[in-house]
Amino acid sequence: MRTAMILLMLTGLSAPALAQRESLGIFSQWGAFLDSNPRRCFAIAEPFQAPRAERWKPFLSVAYWPARGGRGQLHARLSRMKRPQSAVLLRIDERTFQLVGGGNNAWAPDARADAEIVAAMRTGIDLAIETRSVTGALIRDQYQLRGAATAIDAAAIACAARR
């Protein structure tokens, strides 16, 4: 069931790329995939608990873009549109990181933050992303990190091996 939900979620990301998407595996709550054009590999999960999404599926991903030199780039699609000027906080167990973004998207502010967040994800148990919606309500998208390290490793290895 979880695999089907992840694949359905990915359908909405990029229809042309879907025909060229290769599954690298499903690891507990996380999936790993390879897109061939443009080449990118990513680990992805949907929240296990979040406000009901609006017109899109929320997700959290860690991507590798060999042609761009991108390694371990975090991207969150929030379950709701965030209020302008509201901070976006990512919490992994007891650690807190501030993200940047707008609309319904958030990212780590730089490569160093990406690396710190991914390192924390490898040993963490739970992850939550919090901000305020355009109505002022709290948005809290919660993820389980079981399988995240394996999915991230599968994505990294697939992109490193297919240069």
Protein backbone atom coordinates (compact mmCIF):
# COMPACT_ATOMS: atom_id res chain seq x y z
CA MET A 1 0.00 0.00 0.00
CA ARG A 2 2.80 2.43 0.93
CA THR A 3 4.60 1.67 -2.35
CA ALA A 4 1.48 2.42 -4.34
CA MET A 5 0.99 5.70 -2.47
CA ILE A 6 4.58 6.81 -3.17
CA LEU A 7 4.24 5.93 -6.85
CA LEU A 8 0.93 7.80 -7.10
CA MET A 9 2.53 10.80 -5.42
CA LEU A 10 5.38 10.76 -7.92
CA THR A 11 2.95 10.70 -10.84
CA GLY A 12 2.12 14.32 -10.19
CA LEU A 13 5.75 15.48 -10.07
CA SER A 14 6.62 15.24 -13.75
CA ALA A 15 4.54 13.38 -16.31
CA PRO A 16 7.16 13.35 -19.12
CA ALA A 17 9.86 12.10 -16.76
CA LEU A 18 7.59 9.39 -15.37
CA ALA A 19 8.08 7.25 -18.48
CA GLN A 20 11.82 7.36 -17.80
CA ARG A 21 11.67 6.86 -14.01
CA GLU A 22 13.33 3.79 -12.56
CA SER A 23 12.58 2.49 -9.09
CA LEU A 24 15.70 1.86 -7.06
CA GLY A 25 13.72 0.34 -4.19
CA ILE A 26 11.26 0.94 -1.38
CA PHE A 27 12.80 1.09 2.08
CA SER A 28 10.16 1.19 4.81
CA GLN A 29 8.54 4.64 4.49
CA TRP A 30 10.99 5.85 1.81
CA GLY A 31 11.41 5.19 -1.90
CA ALA A 32 14.45 5.77 -4.11
CA PHE A 33 14.16 6.60 -7.81
CA LEU A 34 16.24 7.52 -10.84
CA ASP A 35 15.07 9.89 -13.59
CA SER A 36 17.09 9.67 -16.78
CA ASN A 37 16.29 13.01 -18.44
CA PRO A 38 17.47 15.13 -16.81
CA ARG A 39 19.44 12.62 -14.80
CA ARG A 40 18.68 12.83 -11.10
CA CYS A 41 18.34 10.34 -8.30
CA PHE A 42 16.28 10.94 -5.21
CA ALA A 43 14.93 9.48 -2.00
CA ILE A 44 11.37 10.52 -1.22
CA ALA A 45 8.64 10.01 1.38
CA GLU A 46 5.23 11.36 2.14
CA PRO A 47 4.26 12.50 5.63
CA PHE A 48 2.60 9.99 7.91
CA GLN A 49 0.77 12.85 9.59
CA ALA A 50 -0.08 16.26 8.11
CA PRO A 51 -3.01 18.59 7.58
CA ARG A 52 -5.14 17.47 4.67
CA ALA A 53 -3.31 18.60 1.54
CA GLU A 54 -4.81 21.15 -0.80
CA ARG A 55 -4.30 20.40 -4.52
CA TRP A 56 -0.99 18.55 -4.27
CA LYS A 57 0.70 15.74 -2.38
CA PRO A 58 3.21 16.85 0.27
CA PHE A 59 6.59 15.12 0.29
CA LEU A 60 10.16 15.32 1.51
CA SER A 61 13.02 14.42 -0.82
CA VAL A 62 16.79 14.30 -0.95
CA ALA A 63 18.11 14.57 -4.52
CA TYR A 64 21.33 14.14 -6.47
CA TRP A 65 21.83 16.02 -9.77
CA PRO A 66 25.13 14.81 -11.33
CA ALA A 67 25.16 17.30 -14.23
CA ARG A 68 24.64 20.23 -11.84
CA GLY A 69 26.95 18.95 -9.13
CA GLY A 70 24.00 18.78 -6.71
CA ARG A 71 24.49 16.30 -3.88
CA GLY A 72 22.03 15.54 -1.13
CA GLN A 73 19.71 18.49 -1.77
CA LEU A 74 16.68 18.61 0.52
CA HIS A 75 13.28 19.69 -0.83
CA ALA A 76 9.99 19.74 1.08
CA ARG A 77 6.61 20.20 -0.55
CA LEU A 78 4.41 21.43 2.30
CA SER A 79 0.84 20.25 2.83
CA ARG A 80 -0.40 23.86 2.75
CA MET A 81 0.72 27.20 1.34
CA LYS A 82 2.94 28.94 3.86
CA ARG A 83 2.34 32.46 5.06
CA PRO A 84 4.84 34.95 3.60
CA GLN A 85 7.55 35.89 6.11
CA SER A 86 6.84 32.82 8.28
CA ALA A 87 9.86 30.76 9.27
CA VAL A 88 9.97 27.12 8.19
CA LEU A 89 11.52 24.89 10.84
CA LEU A 90 12.65 21.32 10.30
CA ARG A 91 13.01 19.29 13.48
CA ILE A 92 14.79 15.96 13.68
CA ASP A 93 14.40 14.53 17.16
CA GLU A 94 15.92 17.32 19.33
CA ARG A 95 17.71 19.25 16.53
CA THR A 96 16.16 22.21 14.71
CA PHE A 97 17.10 23.63 11.30
CA GLN A 98 15.67 26.67 9.53
CA LEU A 99 14.63 26.20 5.91
CA VAL A 100 13.95 28.80 3.21
CA GLY A 101 11.21 28.86 0.64
CA GLY A 102 7.87 30.16 -0.36
CA GLY A 103 4.46 29.05 -1.44
CA ASN A 104 4.29 25.34 -0.71
CA ASN A 105 8.03 24.59 -1.05
CA ALA A 106 11.00 24.74 1.30
CA TRP A 107 14.71 23.96 0.97
CA ALA A 108 17.86 24.02 3.05
CA PRO A 109 19.50 27.45 2.67
CA ASP A 110 22.82 26.08 1.38
CA ALA A 111 24.89 22.95 0.73
CA ARG A 112 26.29 22.92 4.25
CA ALA A 113 22.78 22.90 5.76
CA ASP A 114 21.77 20.15 3.31
CA ALA A 115 24.70 18.03 4.54
CA GLU A 116 23.89 18.66 8.22
CA ILE A 117 20.21 17.82 7.74
CA VAL A 118 20.94 14.64 5.77
CA ALA A 119 23.46 13.55 8.44
CA ALA A 120 20.81 14.09 11.14
CA MET A 121 18.24 12.19 9.06
CA ARG A 122 20.55 9.17 8.96
CA THR A 123 20.45 8.72 12.73
CA GLY A 124 17.11 10.35 13.54
CA ILE A 125 13.78 8.73 14.27
CA ASP A 126 11.20 11.39 13.47
CA LEU A 127 11.22 14.56 11.41
CA ALA A 128 8.68 17.40 11.44
CA ILE A 129 8.45 20.48 9.26
CA GLU A 130 6.55 23.39 10.81
CA THR A 131 5.42 26.79 9.59
CA ARG A 132 2.27 28.90 9.47
CA SER A 133 -0.28 28.69 6.68
CA VAL A 134 -1.65 31.73 4.88
CA THR A 135 -4.57 31.61 7.34
CA GLY A 136 -2.16 31.62 10.31
CA ALA A 137 -2.81 28.00 11.30
CA LEU A 138 0.13 25.80 12.27
CA ILE A 139 1.32 23.46 9.54
CA ARG A 140 3.13 20.39 10.85
CA ASP A 141 4.10 17.70 8.36
CA GLN A 142 5.56 14.68 10.16
CA TYR A 143 7.79 12.00 8.66
CA GLN A 144 9.24 8.77 9.95
CA LEU A 145 12.92 8.38 9.14
CA ARG A 146 13.03 4.58 9.14
CA GLY A 147 14.45 3.62 5.73
CA ALA A 148 15.60 7.18 4.91
CA ALA A 149 19.33 6.44 5.14
CA THR A 150 19.04 3.39 2.89
CA ALA A 151 16.93 5.26 0.32
CA ILE A 152 19.35 8.21 0.35
CA ASP A 153 22.29 5.83 -0.12
CA ALA A 154 20.52 4.05 -3.00
CA ALA A 155 19.93 7.39 -4.74
CA ALA A 156 23.53 8.54 -4.19
CA ILE A 157 25.02 5.28 -5.46
CA ALA A 158 22.75 5.18 -8.53
CA CYS A 159 23.76 8.67 -9.63
CA ALA A 160 27.44 8.08 -8.89
CA ALA A 161 27.42 4.84 -10.90
CA ARG A 162 25.68 6.26 -13.98
CA ARG A 163 27.77 9.28 -14.89
